[in-house]
PDB file of N, CA and C in Angstrom:
ATOM      1  N   MET A   1       3.586   5.748  20.910  1.00  0.00           N
ATOM      2  CA  MET A   1       3.639   4.397  20.393  1.00  0.00           C
ATOM      3  C   MET A   1       3.809   4.448  18.879  1.00  0.00           C
ATOM      4  N   ALA A   2       4.558   3.514  18.343  1.00  0.00           N
ATOM      5  CA  ALA A   2       4.813   3.482  16.905  1.00  0.00           C
ATOM      6  C   ALA A   2       3.970   2.406  16.231  1.00  0.00           C
ATOM      7  N   LYS A   3       3.701   2.636  14.962  1.00  0.00           N
ATOM      8  CA  LYS A   3       2.990   1.646  14.164  1.00  0.00           C
ATOM      9  C   LYS A   3       3.448   1.737  12.726  1.00  0.00           C
ATOM     10  N   ALA A   4       3.135   0.691  11.963  1.00  0.00           N
ATOM     11  CA  ALA A   4       3.457   0.653  10.540  1.00  0.00           C
ATOM     12  C   ALA A   4       2.217   0.218   9.774  1.00  0.00           C
ATOM     13  N   VAL A   5       2.045   0.799   8.597  1.00  0.00           N
ATOM     14  CA  VAL A   5       0.889   0.516   7.746  1.00  0.00           C
ATOM     15  C   VAL A   5       1.377   0.291   6.323  1.00  0.00           C
ATOM     16  N   MET A   6       0.779  -0.710   5.662  1.00  0.00           N
ATOM     17  CA  MET A   6       1.014  -0.941   4.241  1.00  0.00           C
ATOM     18  C   MET A   6      -0.242  -0.504   3.504  1.00  0.00           C
ATOM     19  N   MET A   7      -0.041   0.331   2.503  1.00  0.00           N
ATOM     20  CA  MET A   7      -1.154   0.820   1.702  1.00  0.00           C
ATOM     21  C   MET A   7      -0.954   0.398   0.248  1.00  0.00           C
ATOM     22  N   HIS A   8      -2.039   0.023  -0.405  1.00  0.00           N
ATOM     23  CA  HIS A   8      -2.034  -0.211  -1.848  1.00  0.00           C
ATOM     24  C   HIS A   8      -3.069   0.740  -2.438  1.00  0.00           C
ATOM     25  N   VAL A   9      -2.598   1.584  -3.340  1.00  0.00           N
ATOM     26  CA  VAL A   9      -3.446   2.614  -3.931  1.00  0.00           C
ATOM     27  C   VAL A   9      -3.687   2.253  -5.394  1.00  0.00           C
ATOM     28  N   TYR A  10      -4.967   2.188  -5.767  1.00  0.00           N
ATOM     29  CA  TYR A  10      -5.363   1.832  -7.124  1.00  0.00           C
ATOM     30  C   TYR A  10      -6.012   3.029  -7.803  1.00  0.00           C
ATOM     31  N   GLY A  11      -5.745   3.178  -9.086  1.00  0.00           N
ATOM     32  CA  GLY A  11      -6.296   4.281  -9.864  1.00  0.00           C
ATOM     33  C   GLY A  11      -5.280   4.721 -10.895  1.00  0.00           C
ATOM     34  N   ASP A  12      -5.418   5.944 -11.371  1.00  0.00           N
ATOM     35  CA  ASP A  12      -4.436   6.516 -12.294  1.00  0.00           C
ATOM     36  C   ASP A  12      -3.348   7.157 -11.447  1.00  0.00           C
ATOM     37  N   VAL A  13      -2.432   6.317 -10.945  1.00  0.00           N
ATOM     38  CA  VAL A  13      -1.440   6.775  -9.974  1.00  0.00           C
ATOM     39  C   VAL A  13      -0.001   6.525 -10.419  1.00  0.00           C
ATOM     40  N   GLN A  14       0.187   6.086 -11.652  1.00  0.00           N
ATOM     41  CA  GLN A  14       1.546   5.923 -12.154  1.00  0.00           C
ATOM     42  C   GLN A  14       1.772   6.876 -13.319  1.00  0.00           C
ATOM     43  N   GLY A  15       2.969   7.471 -13.339  1.00  0.00           N
ATOM     44  CA  GLY A  15       3.316   8.393 -14.416  1.00  0.00           C
ATOM     45  C   GLY A  15       2.670   9.762 -14.288  1.00  0.00           C
ATOM     46  N   VAL A  16       2.207  10.108 -13.084  1.00  0.00           N
ATOM     47  CA  VAL A  16       1.499  11.379 -12.884  1.00  0.00           C
ATOM     48  C   VAL A  16       2.060  12.182 -11.704  1.00  0.00           C
ATOM     49  N   GLY A  17       3.223  11.779 -11.186  1.00  0.00           N
ATOM     50  CA  GLY A  17       3.828  12.490 -10.055  1.00  0.00           C
ATOM     51  C   GLY A  17       3.319  12.055  -8.698  1.00  0.00           C
ATOM     52  N   PHE A  18       2.615  10.934  -8.654  1.00  0.00           N
ATOM     53  CA  PHE A  18       2.015  10.471  -7.407  1.00  0.00           C
ATOM     54  C   PHE A  18       3.067  10.116  -6.358  1.00  0.00           C
ATOM     55  N   ARG A  19       4.107   9.376  -6.744  1.00  0.00           N
ATOM     56  CA  ARG A  19       5.122   8.978  -5.762  1.00  0.00           C
ATOM     57  C   ARG A  19       5.831  10.188  -5.166  1.00  0.00           C
ATOM     58  N   ALA A  20       6.144  11.170  -5.982  1.00  0.00           N
ATOM     59  CA  ALA A  20       6.804  12.382  -5.470  1.00  0.00           C
ATOM     60  C   ALA A  20       5.884  13.115  -4.497  1.00  0.00           C
ATOM     61  N   ARG A  21       4.591  13.145  -4.783  1.00  0.00           N
ATOM     62  CA  ARG A  21       3.635  13.803  -3.880  1.00  0.00           C
ATOM     63  C   ARG A  21       3.545  13.043  -2.555  1.00  0.00           C
ATOM     64  N   ILE A  22       3.552  11.724  -2.626  1.00  0.00           N
ATOM     65  CA  ILE A  22       3.505  10.910  -1.414  1.00  0.00           C
ATOM     66  C   ILE A  22       4.735  11.176  -0.556  1.00  0.00           C
ATOM     67  N   LYS A  23       5.898  11.257  -1.191  1.00  0.00           N
ATOM     68  CA  LYS A  23       7.120  11.537  -0.428  1.00  0.00           C
ATOM     69  C   LYS A  23       7.034  12.900   0.247  1.00  0.00           C
ATOM     70  N   SER A  24       6.534  13.905  -0.442  1.00  0.00           N
ATOM     71  CA  SER A  24       6.448  15.239   0.161  1.00  0.00           C
ATOM     72  C   SER A  24       5.471  15.241   1.343  1.00  0.00           C
ATOM     73  N   ILE A  25       4.393  14.484   1.235  1.00  0.00           N
ATOM     74  CA  ILE A  25       3.448  14.382   2.351  1.00  0.00           C
ATOM     75  C   ILE A  25       4.104  13.661   3.526  1.00  0.00           C
ATOM     76  N   ALA A  26       4.828  12.595   3.242  1.00  0.00           N
ATOM     77  CA  ALA A  26       5.520  11.852   4.301  1.00  0.00           C
ATOM     78  C   ALA A  26       6.526  12.748   5.028  1.00  0.00           C
ATOM     79  N   LEU A  27       7.269  13.536   4.288  1.00  0.00           N
ATOM     80  CA  LEU A  27       8.239  14.443   4.908  1.00  0.00           C
ATOM     81  C   LEU A  27       7.519  15.472   5.778  1.00  0.00           C
ATOM     82  N   ALA A  28       6.385  15.960   5.319  1.00  0.00           N
ATOM     83  CA  ALA A  28       5.627  16.952   6.095  1.00  0.00           C
ATOM     84  C   ALA A  28       5.111  16.366   7.405  1.00  0.00           C
ATOM     85  N   PHE A  29       4.742  15.088   7.400  1.00  0.00           N
ATOM     86  CA  PHE A  29       4.227  14.443   8.606  1.00  0.00           C
ATOM     87  C   PHE A  29       5.324  13.827   9.472  1.00  0.00           C
ATOM     88  N   GLY A  30       6.548  13.771   8.950  1.00  0.00           N
ATOM     89  CA  GLY A  30       7.642  13.198   9.726  1.00  0.00           C
ATOM     90  C   GLY A  30       7.540  11.698   9.905  1.00  0.00           C
ATOM     91  N   VAL A  31       7.054  11.003   8.861  1.00  0.00           N
ATOM     92  CA  VAL A  31       6.966   9.545   8.893  1.00  0.00           C
ATOM     93  C   VAL A  31       8.003   8.960   7.934  1.00  0.00           C
ATOM     94  N   PHE A  32       8.254   7.671   8.083  1.00  0.00           N
ATOM     95  CA  PHE A  32       9.315   7.012   7.319  1.00  0.00           C
ATOM     96  C   PHE A  32       8.762   5.828   6.537  1.00  0.00           C
ATOM     97  N   GLY A  33       9.537   5.362   5.561  1.00  0.00           N
ATOM     98  CA  GLY A  33       9.138   4.206   4.774  1.00  0.00           C
ATOM     99  C   GLY A  33       9.489   4.395   3.317  1.00  0.00           C
ATOM    100  N   TYR A  34       8.589   3.913   2.439  1.00  0.00           N
ATOM    101  CA  TYR A  34       8.863   4.002   1.006  1.00  0.00           C
ATOM    102  C   TYR A  34       7.563   4.022   0.218  1.00  0.00           C
ATOM    103  N   VAL A  35       7.698   4.371  -1.048  1.00  0.00           N
ATOM    104  CA  VAL A  35       6.607   4.300  -2.017  1.00  0.00           C
ATOM    105  C   VAL A  35       7.186   3.715  -3.297  1.00  0.00           C
ATOM    106  N   ARG A  36       6.414   2.826  -3.940  1.00  0.00           N
ATOM    107  CA  ARG A  36       6.894   2.240  -5.205  1.00  0.00           C
ATOM    108  C   ARG A  36       5.720   1.842  -6.082  1.00  0.00           C
ATOM    109  N   ASN A  37       5.980   1.868  -7.397  1.00  0.00           N
ATOM    110  CA  ASN A  37       5.010   1.396  -8.373  1.00  0.00           C
ATOM    111  C   ASN A  37       5.039  -0.127  -8.407  1.00  0.00           C
ATOM    112  N   LEU A  38       3.876  -0.723  -8.613  1.00  0.00           N
ATOM    113  CA  LEU A  38       3.781  -2.169  -8.771  1.00  0.00           C
ATOM    114  C   LEU A  38       3.391  -2.503 -10.207  1.00  0.00           C
ATOM    115  N   PRO A  39       3.741  -3.702 -10.672  1.00  0.00           N
ATOM    116  CA  PRO A  39       3.460  -4.073 -12.068  1.00  0.00           C
ATOM    117  C   PRO A  39       1.981  -4.023 -12.455  1.00  0.00           C
ATOM    118  N   ASP A  40       1.069  -4.155 -11.490  1.00  0.00           N
ATOM    119  CA  ASP A  40      -0.361  -4.143 -11.818  1.00  0.00           C
ATOM    120  C   ASP A  40      -0.930  -2.737 -11.992  1.00  0.00           C
ATOM    121  N   GLY A  41      -0.063  -1.707 -11.900  1.00  0.00           N
ATOM    122  CA  GLY A  41      -0.516  -0.322 -12.076  1.00  0.00           C
ATOM    123  C   GLY A  41      -0.849   0.382 -10.776  1.00  0.00           C
ATOM    124  N   SER A  42      -0.792  -0.333  -9.669  1.00  0.00           N
ATOM    125  CA  SER A  42      -1.053   0.276  -8.368  1.00  0.00           C
ATOM    126  C   SER A  42       0.241   0.804  -7.769  1.00  0.00           C
ATOM    127  N   VAL A  43       0.109   1.458  -6.620  1.00  0.00           N
ATOM    128  CA  VAL A  43       1.270   1.985  -5.898  1.00  0.00           C
ATOM    129  C   VAL A  43       1.219   1.433  -4.481  1.00  0.00           C
ATOM    130  N   GLU A  44       2.375   0.965  -4.007  1.00  0.00           N
ATOM    131  CA  GLU A  44       2.503   0.450  -2.651  1.00  0.00           C
ATOM    132  C   GLU A  44       3.211   1.486  -1.787  1.00  0.00           C
ATOM    133  N   ILE A  45       2.666   1.694  -0.588  1.00  0.00           N
ATOM    134  CA  ILE A  45       3.262   2.631   0.366  1.00  0.00           C
ATOM    135  C   ILE A  45       3.432   1.916   1.697  1.00  0.00           C
ATOM    136  N   HIS A  46       4.650   1.901   2.197  1.00  0.00           N
ATOM    137  CA  HIS A  46       4.903   1.429   3.566  1.00  0.00           C
ATOM    138  C   HIS A  46       5.232   2.681   4.360  1.00  0.00           C
ATOM    139  N   VAL A  47       4.467   2.911   5.435  1.00  0.00           N
ATOM    140  CA  VAL A  47       4.694   4.100   6.255  1.00  0.00           C
ATOM    141  C   VAL A  47       4.724   3.683   7.716  1.00  0.00           C
ATOM    142  N   GLU A  48       5.654   4.268   8.464  1.00  0.00           N
ATOM    143  CA  GLU A  48       5.754   3.954   9.887  1.00  0.00           C
ATOM    144  C   GLU A  48       6.178   5.178  10.668  1.00  0.00           C
ATOM    145  N   GLY A  49       5.829   5.160  11.940  1.00  0.00           N
ATOM    146  CA  GLY A  49       6.155   6.266  12.825  1.00  0.00           C
ATOM    147  C   GLY A  49       5.164   6.324  13.966  1.00  0.00           C
ATOM    148  N   ASP A  50       5.097   7.466  14.610  1.00  0.00           N
ATOM    149  CA  ASP A  50       4.160   7.713  15.697  1.00  0.00           C
ATOM    150  C   ASP A  50       2.728   7.460  15.223  1.00  0.00           C
ATOM    151  N   ASP A  51       1.920   6.820  16.072  1.00  0.00           N
ATOM    152  CA  ASP A  51       0.526   6.495  15.722  1.00  0.00           C
ATOM    153  C   ASP A  51      -0.222   7.672  15.109  1.00  0.00           C
ATOM    154  N   ASP A  52      -0.193   8.810  15.784  1.00  0.00           N
ATOM    155  CA  ASP A  52      -0.945   9.975  15.310  1.00  0.00           C
ATOM    156  C   ASP A  52      -0.460  10.449  13.949  1.00  0.00           C
ATOM    157  N   ARG A  53       0.841  10.448  13.754  1.00  0.00           N
ATOM    158  CA  ARG A  53       1.394  10.897  12.468  1.00  0.00           C
ATOM    159  C   ARG A  53       1.033   9.936  11.337  1.00  0.00           C
ATOM    160  N   VAL A  54       1.148   8.640  11.619  1.00  0.00           N
ATOM    161  CA  VAL A  54       0.794   7.641  10.600  1.00  0.00           C
ATOM    162  C   VAL A  54      -0.689   7.746  10.257  1.00  0.00           C
ATOM    163  N   ASN A  55      -1.533   7.862  11.270  1.00  0.00           N
ATOM    164  CA  ASN A  55      -2.973   7.984  11.022  1.00  0.00           C
ATOM    165  C   ASN A  55      -3.293   9.227  10.197  1.00  0.00           C
ATOM    166  N   ALA A  56      -2.663  10.345  10.504  1.00  0.00           N
ATOM    167  CA  ALA A  56      -2.893  11.584   9.748  1.00  0.00           C
ATOM    168  C   ALA A  56      -2.403  11.441   8.311  1.00  0.00           C
ATOM    169  N   PHE A  57      -1.249  10.785   8.123  1.00  0.00           N
ATOM    170  CA  PHE A  57      -0.715  10.530   6.779  1.00  0.00           C
ATOM    171  C   PHE A  57      -1.718   9.707   5.973  1.00  0.00           C
ATOM    172  N   VAL A  58      -2.211   8.614   6.555  1.00  0.00           N
ATOM    173  CA  VAL A  58      -3.157   7.730   5.866  1.00  0.00           C
ATOM    174  C   VAL A  58      -4.419   8.498   5.475  1.00  0.00           C
ATOM    175  N   GLU A  59      -4.958   9.272   6.371  1.00  0.00           N
ATOM    176  CA  GLU A  59      -6.171  10.036   6.069  1.00  0.00           C
ATOM    177  C   GLU A  59      -5.925  11.055   4.959  1.00  0.00           C
ATOM    178  N   THR A  60      -4.747  11.653   4.957  1.00  0.00           N
ATOM    179  CA  THR A  60      -4.402  12.612   3.903  1.00  0.00           C
ATOM    180  C   THR A  60      -4.331  11.921   2.546  1.00  0.00           C
ATOM    181  N   ILE A  61      -3.701  10.762   2.489  1.00  0.00           N
ATOM    182  CA  ILE A  61      -3.595  10.027   1.222  1.00  0.00           C
ATOM    183  C   ILE A  61      -4.991   9.632   0.734  1.00  0.00           C
ATOM    184  N   LYS A  62      -5.832   9.152   1.635  1.00  0.00           N
ATOM    185  CA  LYS A  62      -7.188   8.741   1.254  1.00  0.00           C
ATOM    186  C   LYS A  62      -8.018   9.908   0.730  1.00  0.00           C
ATOM    187  N   SER A  63      -7.684  11.117   1.129  1.00  0.00           N
ATOM    188  CA  SER A  63      -8.489  12.270   0.724  1.00  0.00           C
ATOM    189  C   SER A  63      -7.878  13.084  -0.417  1.00  0.00           C
ATOM    190  N   LEU A  64      -6.777  12.614  -1.010  1.00  0.00           N
ATOM    191  CA  LEU A  64      -6.163  13.345  -2.130  1.00  0.00           C
ATOM    192  C   LEU A  64      -7.155  13.450  -3.281  1.00  0.00           C
ATOM    193  N   ARG A  65      -7.319  14.640  -3.783  1.00  0.00           N
ATOM    194  CA  ARG A  65      -8.248  14.868  -4.891  1.00  0.00           C
ATOM    195  C   ARG A  65      -7.530  15.212  -6.196  1.00  0.00           C
ATOM    196  N   GLU A  66      -6.213  15.408  -6.120  1.00  0.00           N
ATOM    197  CA  GLU A  66      -5.491  15.788  -7.331  1.00  0.00           C
ATOM    198  C   GLU A  66      -5.151  14.595  -8.221  1.00  0.00           C
ATOM    199  N   PHE A  67      -5.459  13.375  -7.743  1.00  0.00           N
ATOM    200  CA  PHE A  67      -5.219  12.155  -8.513  1.00  0.00           C
ATOM    201  C   PHE A  67      -6.519  11.367  -8.588  1.00  0.00           C
ATOM    202  N   ASP A  68      -6.628  10.535  -9.628  1.00  0.00           N
ATOM    203  CA  ASP A  68      -7.818   9.707  -9.808  1.00  0.00           C
ATOM    204  C   ASP A  68      -7.611   8.387  -9.062  1.00  0.00           C
ATOM    205  N   ILE A  69      -7.942   8.392  -7.773  1.00  0.00           N
ATOM    206  CA  ILE A  69      -7.776   7.216  -6.927  1.00  0.00           C
ATOM    207  C   ILE A  69      -9.108   6.480  -6.846  1.00  0.00           C
ATOM    208  N   TRP A  70      -9.083   5.176  -7.163  1.00  0.00           N
ATOM    209  CA  TRP A  70     -10.292   4.368  -7.145  1.00  0.00           C
ATOM    210  C   TRP A  70     -10.468   3.630  -5.824  1.00  0.00           C
ATOM    211  N   GLU A  71      -9.346   3.171  -5.267  1.00  0.00           N
ATOM    212  CA  GLU A  71      -9.434   2.357  -4.054  1.00  0.00           C
ATOM    213  C   GLU A  71      -8.123   2.440  -3.290  1.00  0.00           C
ATOM    214  N   VAL A  72      -8.215   2.411  -1.970  1.00  0.00           N
ATOM    215  CA  VAL A  72      -7.033   2.371  -1.104  1.00  0.00           C
ATOM    216  C   VAL A  72      -7.235   1.226  -0.119  1.00  0.00           C
ATOM    217  N   LYS A  73      -6.340   0.254  -0.168  1.00  0.00           N
ATOM    218  CA  LYS A  73      -6.374  -0.865   0.780  1.00  0.00           C
ATOM    219  C   LYS A  73      -5.299  -0.620   1.830  1.00  0.00           C
ATOM    220  N   ILE A  74      -5.653  -0.819   3.088  1.00  0.00           N
ATOM    221  CA  ILE A  74      -4.754  -0.488   4.194  1.00  0.00           C
ATOM    222  C   ILE A  74      -4.723  -1.646   5.172  1.00  0.00           C
ATOM    223  N   LYS A  75      -3.520  -2.004   5.621  1.00  0.00           N
ATOM    224  CA  LYS A  75      -3.405  -2.999   6.685  1.00  0.00           C
ATOM    225  C   LYS A  75      -2.174  -2.682   7.523  1.00  0.00           C
ATOM    226  N   GLU A  76      -2.279  -2.969   8.808  1.00  0.00           N
ATOM    227  CA  GLU A  76      -1.117  -2.786   9.674  1.00  0.00           C
ATOM    228  C   GLU A  76      -0.096  -3.854   9.332  1.00  0.00           C
ATOM    229  N   THR A  77       1.176  -3.510   9.504  1.00  0.00           N
ATOM    230  CA  THR A  77       2.267  -4.418   9.177  1.00  0.00           C
ATOM    231  C   THR A  77       3.376  -4.239  10.206  1.00  0.00           C
ATOM    232  N   SER A  78       4.452  -4.958  10.023  1.00  0.00           N
ATOM    233  CA  SER A  78       5.546  -4.871  10.994  1.00  0.00           C
ATOM    234  C   SER A  78       6.418  -3.642  10.731  1.00  0.00           C
ATOM    235  N   ILE A  79       6.959  -3.113  11.797  1.00  0.00           N
ATOM    236  CA  ILE A  79       7.849  -1.951  11.720  1.00  0.00           C
ATOM    237  C   ILE A  79       9.218  -2.416  11.217  1.00  0.00           C
ATOM    238  N   LYS A  80       9.753  -1.700  10.240  1.00  0.00           N
ATOM    239  CA  LYS A  80      11.057  -2.032   9.652  1.00  0.00           C
ATOM    240  C   LYS A  80      12.169  -1.110  10.143  1.00  0.00           C
ATOM    241  N   ASN A  81      11.815  -0.100  10.923  1.00  0.00           N
ATOM    242  CA  ASN A  81      12.780   0.867  11.468  1.00  0.00           C
ATOM    243  C   ASN A  81      13.510   1.672  10.397  1.00  0.00           C
ATOM    244  N   TYR A  82      12.774   2.133   9.391  1.00  0.00           N
ATOM    245  CA  TYR A  82      13.346   3.052   8.406  1.00  0.00           C
ATOM    246  C   TYR A  82      13.660   4.371   9.094  1.00  0.00           C
ATOM    247  N   ASN A  83      14.657   5.074   8.591  1.00  0.00           N
ATOM    248  CA  ASN A  83      15.000   6.390   9.164  1.00  0.00           C
ATOM    249  C   ASN A  83      14.850   7.500   8.132  1.00  0.00           C
ATOM    250  N   GLU A  84      14.171   7.191   7.044  1.00  0.00           N
ATOM    251  CA  GLU A  84      13.870   8.188   5.999  1.00  0.00           C
ATOM    252  C   GLU A  84      12.673   7.679   5.210  1.00  0.00           C
ATOM    253  N   PHE A  85      12.170   8.519   4.308  1.00  0.00           N
ATOM    254  CA  PHE A  85      11.107   8.097   3.383  1.00  0.00           C
ATOM    255  C   PHE A  85      11.683   8.225   1.991  1.00  0.00           C
ATOM    256  N   PHE A  86      11.595   7.156   1.212  1.00  0.00           N
ATOM    257  CA  PHE A  86      12.225   7.174  -0.106  1.00  0.00           C
ATOM    258  C   PHE A  86      11.323   6.588  -1.179  1.00  0.00           C
ATOM    259  N   ILE A  87      11.643   6.946  -2.410  1.00  0.00           N
ATOM    260  CA  ILE A  87      10.959   6.436  -3.575  1.00  0.00           C
ATOM    261  C   ILE A  87      11.787   5.292  -4.134  1.00  0.00           C
ATOM    262  N   ILE A  88      11.175   4.148  -4.302  1.00  0.00           N
ATOM    263  CA  ILE A  88      11.851   3.020  -4.952  1.00  0.00           C
ATOM    264  C   ILE A  88      11.600   3.161  -6.449  1.00  0.00           C
ATOM    265  N   PRO A  89      12.657   3.290  -7.234  1.00  0.00           N
ATOM    266  CA  PRO A  89      12.471   3.484  -8.677  1.00  0.00           C
ATOM    267  C   PRO A  89      11.893   2.248  -9.373  1.00  0.00           C
TER     268      PRO A  89
END
């Protein structure tokens, strides 16, 4: 079964290689979607794919220790049928 999740990550996550790290994790888990910086200093991640893969991706992001993450907000969202994971500049 497939699912999609929208994540908002707050902390020191812009200008530190966070989006590139998120993309590499997404590729490793075989999930699709995007990551982008938001004007408020947070990062938005849309991820979709197999339930188990999406859940593992989310848990990995929540447990990243190489970045100063203060809060991660997560909610299920609609599937957009992406066929890759990309960084929105």
